[in-house]
Amino acid sequence: MKARLKDRVIAESDDIVEHGGYHYFPIGVVRMEWLEKAPKTESDRACPHGVQFYDVVIDGTRHARAAWIYEAPRPSIGHVANRFGFWDEVEVG
C-alpha cells in the first residue's frame, strides 16, 4: 500500500494497520524529510492519545495537517503506535 501526494510516494509498506477507516504506516517507511510538525490545536491537546499532526511539505508546497501520529496511544489503539496515518490530499491505496 502507498500513501501518495500527487506523484510523490510519502510511504509504502505491506505492513499496514487499519483503524477507524484509516490505514497506518510504520514510521520507518515514511519520508520524514517531507513532514514538519504542525502547531497543536486545542482539539489536539484534548486528544487522550497525544495526537501530533504534521504538514507534508514537498517542493515548497505545504499540505497542512495531512499526516498524524499518536504519541501516547492508550491500550485501546495501541496497535497504531509508531505509525502514521494520512488524509485530505494524500491518497492511500
PDB file of N, CA and C in Angstrom:
ATOM      1  N   MET A   1       0.845  -1.166   0.000  1.00  0.00           N
ATOM      2  CA  MET A   1       0.000   0.000   0.000  1.00  0.00           C
ATOM      3  C   MET A   1       0.895   1.235   0.000  1.00  0.00           C
ATOM      4  N   LYS A   2       0.415   2.300  -0.638  1.00  0.00           N
ATOM      5  CA  LYS A   2       1.185   3.535  -0.736  1.00  0.00           C
ATOM      6  C   LYS A   2       0.353   4.715  -0.259  1.00  0.00           C
ATOM      7  N   ALA A   3       1.049   5.692   0.303  1.00  0.00           N
ATOM      8  CA  ALA A   3       0.469   6.998   0.604  1.00  0.00           C
ATOM      9  C   ALA A   3       1.127   7.965  -0.373  1.00  0.00           C
ATOM     10  N   ARG A   4       0.310   8.581  -1.226  1.00  0.00           N
ATOM     11  CA  ARG A   4       0.839   9.436  -2.298  1.00  0.00           C
ATOM     12  C   ARG A   4       0.249  10.836  -2.219  1.00  0.00           C
ATOM     13  N   LEU A   5       1.070  11.778  -2.590  1.00  0.00           N
ATOM     14  CA  LEU A   5       0.624  13.148  -2.749  1.00  0.00           C
ATOM     15  C   LEU A   5       1.079  13.570  -4.127  1.00  0.00           C
ATOM     16  N   LYS A   6       0.109  13.718  -5.016  1.00  0.00           N
ATOM     17  CA  LYS A   6       0.384  13.975  -6.431  1.00  0.00           C
ATOM     18  C   LYS A   6       1.227  12.813  -6.969  1.00  0.00           C
ATOM     19  N   ASP A   7       2.443  13.053  -7.425  1.00  0.00           N
ATOM     20  CA  ASP A   7       3.254  11.969  -7.989  1.00  0.00           C
ATOM     21  C   ASP A   7       4.338  11.487  -7.021  1.00  0.00           C
ATOM     22  N   ARG A   8       4.256  11.910  -5.767  1.00  0.00           N
ATOM     23  CA  ARG A   8       5.281  11.542  -4.786  1.00  0.00           C
ATOM     24  C   ARG A   8       4.760  10.499  -3.809  1.00  0.00           C
ATOM     25  N   VAL A   9       5.565   9.474  -3.555  1.00  0.00           N
ATOM     26  CA  VAL A   9       5.208   8.440  -2.580  1.00  0.00           C
ATOM     27  C   VAL A   9       5.797   8.857  -1.232  1.00  0.00           C
ATOM     28  N   ILE A  10       4.914   9.106  -0.274  1.00  0.00           N
ATOM     29  CA  ILE A  10       5.329   9.527   1.064  1.00  0.00           C
ATOM     30  C   ILE A  10       5.659   8.312   1.925  1.00  0.00           C
ATOM     31  N   ALA A  11       4.915   7.227   1.715  1.00  0.00           N
ATOM     32  CA  ALA A  11       5.135   5.994   2.479  1.00  0.00           C
ATOM     33  C   ALA A  11       4.674   4.819   1.639  1.00  0.00           C
ATOM     34  N   GLU A  12       5.350   3.666   1.826  1.00  0.00           N
ATOM     35  CA  GLU A  12       4.966   2.445   1.121  1.00  0.00           C
ATOM     36  C   GLU A  12       5.301   1.254   2.007  1.00  0.00           C
ATOM     37  N   SER A  13       4.306   0.370   2.172  1.00  0.00           N
ATOM     38  CA  SER A  13       4.526  -0.806   3.009  1.00  0.00           C
ATOM     39  C   SER A  13       3.393  -1.812   2.817  1.00  0.00           C
ATOM     40  N   ASP A  14       3.706  -3.076   3.052  1.00  0.00           N
ATOM     41  CA  ASP A  14       2.678  -4.117   3.130  1.00  0.00           C
ATOM     42  C   ASP A  14       2.256  -4.341   4.579  1.00  0.00           C
ATOM     43  N   ASP A  15       2.975  -3.718   5.511  1.00  0.00           N
ATOM     44  CA  ASP A  15       2.688  -3.836   6.944  1.00  0.00           C
ATOM     45  C   ASP A  15       1.783  -2.673   7.351  1.00  0.00           C
ATOM     46  N   ILE A  16       0.503  -2.811   7.082  1.00  0.00           N
ATOM     47  CA  ILE A  16      -0.477  -1.753   7.317  1.00  0.00           C
ATOM     48  C   ILE A  16      -1.437  -2.182   8.417  1.00  0.00           C
ATOM     49  N   VAL A  17      -1.767  -1.231   9.280  1.00  0.00           N
ATOM     50  CA  VAL A  17      -2.774  -1.465  10.316  1.00  0.00           C
ATOM     51  C   VAL A  17      -3.943  -0.534  10.013  1.00  0.00           C
ATOM     52  N   GLU A  18      -5.143  -1.078  10.011  1.00  0.00           N
ATOM     53  CA  GLU A  18      -6.329  -0.269   9.759  1.00  0.00           C
ATOM     54  C   GLU A  18      -7.040   0.004  11.076  1.00  0.00           C
ATOM     55  N   HIS A  19      -7.459   1.249  11.241  1.00  0.00           N
ATOM     56  CA  HIS A  19      -8.208   1.633  12.438  1.00  0.00           C
ATOM     57  C   HIS A  19      -9.082   2.839  12.100  1.00  0.00           C
ATOM     58  N   GLY A  20     -10.344   2.738  12.422  1.00  0.00           N
ATOM     59  CA  GLY A  20     -11.251   3.865  12.218  1.00  0.00           C
ATOM     60  C   GLY A  20     -11.372   4.316  10.783  1.00  0.00           C
ATOM     61  N   GLY A  21     -11.160   3.399   9.846  1.00  0.00           N
ATOM     62  CA  GLY A  21     -11.251   3.746   8.429  1.00  0.00           C
ATOM     63  C   GLY A  21      -9.974   4.321   7.838  1.00  0.00           C
ATOM     64  N   TYR A  22      -8.927   4.406   8.628  1.00  0.00           N
ATOM     65  CA  TYR A  22      -7.646   4.915   8.143  1.00  0.00           C
ATOM     66  C   TYR A  22      -6.614   3.804   8.156  1.00  0.00           C
ATOM     67  N   HIS A  23      -5.616   3.942   7.275  1.00  0.00           N
ATOM     68  CA  HIS A  23      -4.529   2.979   7.177  1.00  0.00           C
ATOM     69  C   HIS A  23      -3.277   3.620   7.769  1.00  0.00           C
ATOM     70  N   TYR A  24      -2.620   2.879   8.651  1.00  0.00           N
ATOM     71  CA  TYR A  24      -1.450   3.388   9.356  1.00  0.00           C
ATOM     72  C   TYR A  24      -0.195   2.673   8.887  1.00  0.00           C
ATOM     73  N   PHE A  25       0.821   3.489   8.555  1.00  0.00           N
ATOM     74  CA  PHE A  25       2.098   3.006   8.034  1.00  0.00           C
ATOM     75  C   PHE A  25       3.155   3.039   9.134  1.00  0.00           C
ATOM     76  N   PRO A  26       4.048   2.047   9.170  1.00  0.00           N
ATOM     77  CA  PRO A  26       5.139   2.079  10.158  1.00  0.00           C
ATOM     78  C   PRO A  26       5.997   3.331   9.955  1.00  0.00           C
ATOM     79  N   ILE A  27       6.435   3.903  11.039  1.00  0.00           N
ATOM     80  CA  ILE A  27       7.220   5.138  10.975  1.00  0.00           C
ATOM     81  C   ILE A  27       8.473   4.966  10.111  1.00  0.00           C
ATOM     82  N   GLY A  28       9.044   3.779  10.090  1.00  0.00           N
ATOM     83  CA  GLY A  28      10.280   3.538   9.343  1.00  0.00           C
ATOM     84  C   GLY A  28      10.153   3.618   7.835  1.00  0.00           C
ATOM     85  N   VAL A  29       8.926   3.615   7.293  1.00  0.00           N
ATOM     86  CA  VAL A  29       8.752   3.674   5.844  1.00  0.00           C
ATOM     87  C   VAL A  29       8.266   5.050   5.376  1.00  0.00           C
ATOM     88  N   VAL A  30       8.134   5.984   6.301  1.00  0.00           N
ATOM     89  CA  VAL A  30       7.614   7.314   5.989  1.00  0.00           C
ATOM     90  C   VAL A  30       8.760   8.261   5.643  1.00  0.00           C
ATOM     91  N   ARG A  31       8.600   9.031   4.590  1.00  0.00           N
ATOM     92  CA  ARG A  31       9.603  10.023   4.180  1.00  0.00           C
ATOM     93  C   ARG A  31       9.548  11.207   5.145  1.00  0.00           C
ATOM     94  N   MET A  32      10.197  11.054   6.278  1.00  0.00           N
ATOM     95  CA  MET A  32      10.139  12.052   7.347  1.00  0.00           C
ATOM     96  C   MET A  32      10.701  13.407   6.919  1.00  0.00           C
ATOM     97  N   GLU A  33      11.572  13.408   5.927  1.00  0.00           N
ATOM     98  CA  GLU A  33      12.124  14.682   5.461  1.00  0.00           C
ATOM     99  C   GLU A  33      11.054  15.573   4.832  1.00  0.00           C
ATOM    100  N   TRP A  34       9.894  15.009   4.504  1.00  0.00           N
ATOM    101  CA  TRP A  34       8.796  15.783   3.939  1.00  0.00           C
ATOM    102  C   TRP A  34       7.748  16.168   4.980  1.00  0.00           C
ATOM    103  N   LEU A  35       7.957  15.795   6.239  1.00  0.00           N
ATOM    104  CA  LEU A  35       6.981  16.102   7.284  1.00  0.00           C
ATOM    105  C   LEU A  35       7.533  17.152   8.241  1.00  0.00           C
ATOM    106  N   GLU A  36       6.675  18.094   8.614  1.00  0.00           N
ATOM    107  CA  GLU A  36       7.021  19.115   9.602  1.00  0.00           C
ATOM    108  C   GLU A  36       5.904  19.163  10.634  1.00  0.00           C
ATOM    109  N   LYS A  37       6.281  19.139  11.910  1.00  0.00           N
ATOM    110  CA  LYS A  37       5.277  19.190  12.974  1.00  0.00           C
ATOM    111  C   LYS A  37       4.404  20.426  12.818  1.00  0.00           C
ATOM    112  N   ALA A  38       3.097  20.208  12.931  1.00  0.00           N
ATOM    113  CA  ALA A  38       2.142  21.313  12.894  1.00  0.00           C
ATOM    114  C   ALA A  38       1.885  21.780  14.327  1.00  0.00           C
ATOM    115  N   PRO A  39       1.597  23.049  14.515  1.00  0.00           N
ATOM    116  CA  PRO A  39       1.250  23.517  15.859  1.00  0.00           C
ATOM    117  C   PRO A  39       0.009  22.777  16.360  1.00  0.00           C
ATOM    118  N   LYS A  40       0.002  22.470  17.654  1.00  0.00           N
ATOM    119  CA  LYS A  40      -1.134  21.755  18.224  1.00  0.00           C
ATOM    120  C   LYS A  40      -2.303  22.711  18.457  1.00  0.00           C
ATOM    121  N   THR A  41      -3.489  22.234  18.134  1.00  0.00           N
ATOM    122  CA  THR A  41      -4.715  22.979  18.384  1.00  0.00           C
ATOM    123  C   THR A  41      -5.277  22.552  19.740  1.00  0.00           C
ATOM    124  N   GLU A  42      -6.299  23.233  20.202  1.00  0.00           N
ATOM    125  CA  GLU A  42      -6.961  22.836  21.454  1.00  0.00           C
ATOM    126  C   GLU A  42      -7.483  21.408  21.338  1.00  0.00           C
ATOM    127  N   SER A  43      -8.042  21.083  20.191  1.00  0.00           N
ATOM    128  CA  SER A  43      -8.570  19.733  19.953  1.00  0.00           C
ATOM    129  C   SER A  43      -7.454  18.692  20.027  1.00  0.00           C
ATOM    130  N   ASP A  44      -6.298  19.016  19.457  1.00  0.00           N
ATOM    131  CA  ASP A  44      -5.142  18.103  19.519  1.00  0.00           C
ATOM    132  C   ASP A  44      -4.734  17.870  20.969  1.00  0.00           C
ATOM    133  N   ARG A  45      -4.646  18.947  21.732  1.00  0.00           N
ATOM    134  CA  ARG A  45      -4.232  18.834  23.132  1.00  0.00           C
ATOM    135  C   ARG A  45      -5.245  18.053  23.958  1.00  0.00           C
ATOM    136  N   ALA A  46      -6.508  18.069  23.555  1.00  0.00           N
ATOM    137  CA  ALA A  46      -7.557  17.348  24.281  1.00  0.00           C
ATOM    138  C   ALA A  46      -7.581  15.860  23.949  1.00  0.00           C
ATOM    139  N   CYS A  47      -6.900  15.462  22.887  1.00  0.00           N
ATOM    140  CA  CYS A  47      -6.895  14.056  22.465  1.00  0.00           C
ATOM    141  C   CYS A  47      -6.211  13.200  23.529  1.00  0.00           C
ATOM    142  N   PRO A  48      -6.893  12.173  24.016  1.00  0.00           N
ATOM    143  CA  PRO A  48      -6.300  11.339  25.066  1.00  0.00           C
ATOM    144  C   PRO A  48      -5.131  10.480  24.588  1.00  0.00           C
ATOM    145  N   HIS A  49      -4.911  10.430  23.289  1.00  0.00           N
ATOM    146  CA  HIS A  49      -3.843   9.591  22.733  1.00  0.00           C
ATOM    147  C   HIS A  49      -2.606  10.402  22.347  1.00  0.00           C
ATOM    148  N   GLY A  50      -2.623  11.715  22.614  1.00  0.00           N
ATOM    149  CA  GLY A  50      -1.462  12.544  22.304  1.00  0.00           C
ATOM    150  C   GLY A  50      -1.217  12.686  20.822  1.00  0.00           C
ATOM    151  N   VAL A  51      -2.225  13.106  20.078  1.00  0.00           N
ATOM    152  CA  VAL A  51      -2.064  13.209  18.624  1.00  0.00           C
ATOM    153  C   VAL A  51      -1.131  14.369  18.267  1.00  0.00           C
ATOM    154  N   GLN A  52      -0.289  14.117  17.267  1.00  0.00           N
ATOM    155  CA  GLN A  52       0.564  15.151  16.699  1.00  0.00           C
ATOM    156  C   GLN A  52       0.361  15.131  15.193  1.00  0.00           C
ATOM    157  N   PHE A  53      -0.130  16.241  14.652  1.00  0.00           N
ATOM    158  CA  PHE A  53      -0.293  16.363  13.210  1.00  0.00           C
ATOM    159  C   PHE A  53       0.978  16.910  12.591  1.00  0.00           C
ATOM    160  N   TYR A  54       1.162  16.581  11.329  1.00  0.00           N
ATOM    161  CA  TYR A  54       2.294  17.050  10.550  1.00  0.00           C
ATOM    162  C   TYR A  54       1.807  17.636   9.238  1.00  0.00           C
ATOM    163  N   ASP A  55       2.475  18.691   8.807  1.00  0.00           N
ATOM    164  CA  ASP A  55       2.276  19.205   7.460  1.00  0.00           C
ATOM    165  C   ASP A  55       3.179  18.396   6.544  1.00  0.00           C
ATOM    166  N   VAL A  56       2.687  18.090   5.363  1.00  0.00           N
ATOM    167  CA  VAL A  56       3.520  17.451   4.348  1.00  0.00           C
ATOM    168  C   VAL A  56       4.018  18.569   3.435  1.00  0.00           C
ATOM    169  N   VAL A  57       5.323  18.703   3.324  1.00  0.00           N
ATOM    170  CA  VAL A  57       5.921  19.777   2.536  1.00  0.00           C
ATOM    171  C   VAL A  57       6.784  19.152   1.446  1.00  0.00           C
ATOM    172  N   ILE A  58       6.333  19.320   0.208  1.00  0.00           N
ATOM    173  CA  ILE A  58       7.055  18.765  -0.942  1.00  0.00           C
ATOM    174  C   ILE A  58       7.262  19.873  -1.958  1.00  0.00           C
ATOM    175  N   ASP A  59       8.501  20.056  -2.369  1.00  0.00           N
ATOM    176  CA  ASP A  59       8.862  21.077  -3.351  1.00  0.00           C
ATOM    177  C   ASP A  59       8.327  22.453  -2.957  1.00  0.00           C
ATOM    178  N   GLY A  60       8.386  22.757  -1.658  1.00  0.00           N
ATOM    179  CA  GLY A  60       7.976  24.065  -1.174  1.00  0.00           C
ATOM    180  C   GLY A  60       6.477  24.257  -0.984  1.00  0.00           C
ATOM    181  N   THR A  61       5.683  23.266  -1.341  1.00  0.00           N
ATOM    182  CA  THR A  61       4.232  23.362  -1.162  1.00  0.00           C
ATOM    183  C   THR A  61       3.839  22.648   0.120  1.00  0.00           C
ATOM    184  N   ARG A  62       3.126  23.377   0.980  1.00  0.00           N
ATOM    185  CA  ARG A  62       2.715  22.851   2.282  1.00  0.00           C
ATOM    186  C   ARG A  62       1.285  22.331   2.212  1.00  0.00           C
ATOM    187  N   HIS A  63       1.118  21.105   2.658  1.00  0.00           N
ATOM    188  CA  HIS A  63      -0.198  20.461   2.743  1.00  0.00           C
ATOM    189  C   HIS A  63      -0.467  20.285   4.236  1.00  0.00           C
ATOM    190  N   ALA A  64      -1.220  21.234   4.780  1.00  0.00           N
ATOM    191  CA  ALA A  64      -1.390  21.355   6.222  1.00  0.00           C
ATOM    192  C   ALA A  64      -2.081  20.142   6.845  1.00  0.00           C
ATOM    193  N   ARG A  65      -1.482  19.637   7.918  1.00  0.00           N
ATOM    194  CA  ARG A  65      -2.068  18.616   8.777  1.00  0.00           C
ATOM    195  C   ARG A  65      -2.527  17.379   7.998  1.00  0.00           C
ATOM    196  N   ALA A  66      -1.744  16.987   7.012  1.00  0.00           N
ATOM    197  CA  ALA A  66      -2.112  15.858   6.150  1.00  0.00           C
ATOM    198  C   ALA A  66      -1.650  14.516   6.708  1.00  0.00           C
ATOM    199  N   ALA A  67      -0.861  14.529   7.781  1.00  0.00           N
ATOM    200  CA  ALA A  67      -0.370  13.287   8.400  1.00  0.00           C
ATOM    201  C   ALA A  67      -0.463  13.438   9.909  1.00  0.00           C
ATOM    202  N   TRP A  68      -0.568  12.313  10.599  1.00  0.00           N
ATOM    203  CA  TRP A  68      -0.579  12.355  12.061  1.00  0.00           C
ATOM    204  C   TRP A  68      -0.054  11.063  12.652  1.00  0.00           C
ATOM    205  N   ILE A  69       0.338  11.173  13.929  1.00  0.00           N
ATOM    206  CA  ILE A  69       0.792  10.032  14.698  1.00  0.00           C
ATOM    207  C   ILE A  69       0.292  10.229  16.124  1.00  0.00           C
ATOM    208  N   TYR A  70       0.001   9.135  16.794  1.00  0.00           N
ATOM    209  CA  TYR A  70      -0.377   9.200  18.204  1.00  0.00           C
ATOM    210  C   TYR A  70       0.871   8.985  19.035  1.00  0.00           C
ATOM    211  N   GLU A  71       1.246   9.990  19.799  1.00  0.00           N
ATOM    212  CA  GLU A  71       2.485   9.929  20.579  1.00  0.00           C
ATOM    213  C   GLU A  71       2.342   9.127  21.868  1.00  0.00           C
ATOM    214  N   ALA A  72       1.128   9.003  22.376  1.00  0.00           N
ATOM    215  CA  ALA A  72       0.898   8.263  23.625  1.00  0.00           C
ATOM    216  C   ALA A  72      -0.428   7.510  23.538  1.00  0.00           C
ATOM    217  N   PRO A  73      -0.530   6.576  22.576  1.00  0.00           N
ATOM    218  CA  PRO A  73      -1.814   5.892  22.407  1.00  0.00           C
ATOM    219  C   PRO A  73      -2.168   5.043  23.623  1.00  0.00           C
ATOM    220  N   ARG A  74      -3.412   5.149  24.015  1.00  0.00           N
ATOM    221  CA  ARG A  74      -3.910   4.300  25.101  1.00  0.00           C
ATOM    222  C   ARG A  74      -4.028   2.876  24.575  1.00  0.00           C
ATOM    223  N   PRO A  75      -4.166   1.905  25.473  1.00  0.00           N
ATOM    224  CA  PRO A  75      -4.221   0.499  25.044  1.00  0.00           C
ATOM    225  C   PRO A  75      -5.274   0.204  23.975  1.00  0.00           C
ATOM    226  N   SER A  76      -6.377   0.936  23.987  1.00  0.00           N
ATOM    227  CA  SER A  76      -7.441   0.674  23.013  1.00  0.00           C
ATOM    228  C   SER A  76      -6.998   0.884  21.568  1.00  0.00           C
ATOM    229  N   ILE A  77      -5.978   1.715  21.346  1.00  0.00           N
ATOM    230  CA  ILE A  77      -5.455   1.900  19.984  1.00  0.00           C
ATOM    231  C   ILE A  77      -3.942   1.663  19.949  1.00  0.00           C
ATOM    232  N   GLY A  78      -3.461   0.863  20.858  1.00  0.00           N
ATOM    233  CA  GLY A  78      -2.026   0.568  20.926  1.00  0.00           C
ATOM    234  C   GLY A  78      -1.472  -0.014  19.643  1.00  0.00           C
ATOM    235  N   HIS A  79      -2.324  -0.639  18.837  1.00  0.00           N
ATOM    236  CA  HIS A  79      -1.874  -1.251  17.581  1.00  0.00           C
ATOM    237  C   HIS A  79      -1.439  -0.222  16.538  1.00  0.00           C
ATOM    238  N   VAL A  80      -1.744   1.071  16.742  1.00  0.00           N
ATOM    239  CA  VAL A  80      -1.292   2.094  15.795  1.00  0.00           C
ATOM    240  C   VAL A  80      -0.083   2.876  16.326  1.00  0.00           C
ATOM    241  N   ALA A  81       0.475   2.432  17.439  1.00  0.00           N
ATOM    242  CA  ALA A  81       1.667   3.101  17.986  1.00  0.00           C
ATOM    243  C   ALA A  81       2.805   3.068  16.971  1.00  0.00           C
ATOM    244  N   ASN A  82       3.538   4.154  16.886  1.00  0.00           N
ATOM    245  CA  ASN A  82       4.686   4.286  15.974  1.00  0.00           C
ATOM    246  C   ASN A  82       4.291   4.137  14.507  1.00  0.00           C
ATOM    247  N   ARG A  83       3.076   4.594  14.200  1.00  0.00           N
ATOM    248  CA  ARG A  83       2.568   4.524  12.826  1.00  0.00           C
ATOM    249  C   ARG A  83       1.923   5.848  12.451  1.00  0.00           C
ATOM    250  N   PHE A  84       2.040   6.193  11.181  1.00  0.00           N
ATOM    251  CA  PHE A  84       1.452   7.412  10.656  1.00  0.00           C
ATOM    252  C   PHE A  84       0.191   7.123   9.865  1.00  0.00           C
ATOM    253  N   GLY A  85      -0.786   7.990  10.046  1.00  0.00           N
ATOM    254  CA  GLY A  85      -1.974   7.996   9.212  1.00  0.00           C
ATOM    255  C   GLY A  85      -1.929   9.217   8.304  1.00  0.00           C
ATOM    256  N   PHE A  86      -2.654   9.141   7.202  1.00  0.00           N
ATOM    257  CA  PHE A  86      -2.686  10.236   6.223  1.00  0.00           C
ATOM    258  C   PHE A  86      -4.127  10.484   5.799  1.00  0.00           C
ATOM    259  N   TRP A  87      -4.400  11.723   5.387  1.00  0.00           N
ATOM    260  CA  TRP A  87      -5.729  12.051   4.884  1.00  0.00           C
ATOM    261  C   TRP A  87      -5.671  13.300   4.023  1.00  0.00           C
ATOM    262  N   ASP A  88      -6.848  13.864   3.774  1.00  0.00           N
ATOM    263  CA  ASP A  88      -7.019  15.043   2.929  1.00  0.00           C
ATOM    264  C   ASP A  88      -6.439  14.783   1.539  1.00  0.00           C
ATOM    265  N   GLU A  89      -5.447  15.539   1.137  1.00  0.00           N
ATOM    266  CA  GLU A  89      -4.917  15.440  -0.223  1.00  0.00           C
ATOM    267  C   GLU A  89      -4.071  14.182  -0.464  1.00  0.00           C
ATOM    268  N   VAL A  90      -3.695  13.494   0.595  1.00  0.00           N
ATOM    269  CA  VAL A  90      -2.862  12.291   0.446  1.00  0.00           C
ATOM    270  C   VAL A  90      -3.761  11.116   0.098  1.00  0.00           C
ATOM    271  N   GLU A  91      -3.456  10.467  -1.008  1.00  0.00           N
ATOM    272  CA  GLU A  91      -4.214   9.291  -1.436  1.00  0.00           C
ATOM    273  C   GLU A  91      -3.536   8.051  -0.872  1.00  0.00           C
ATOM    274  N   VAL A  92      -4.345   7.175  -0.269  1.00  0.00           N
ATOM    275  CA  VAL A  92      -3.822   5.938   0.292  1.00  0.00           C
ATOM    276  C   VAL A  92      -4.495   4.769  -0.432  1.00  0.00           C
ATOM    277  N   GLY A  93      -3.669   3.895  -0.934  1.00  0.00           N
ATOM    278  CA  GLY A  93      -4.244   2.738  -1.630  1.00  0.00           C
ATOM    279  C   GLY A  93      -3.166   1.877  -2.242  1.00  0.00           C
TER     280      GLY A  93
END
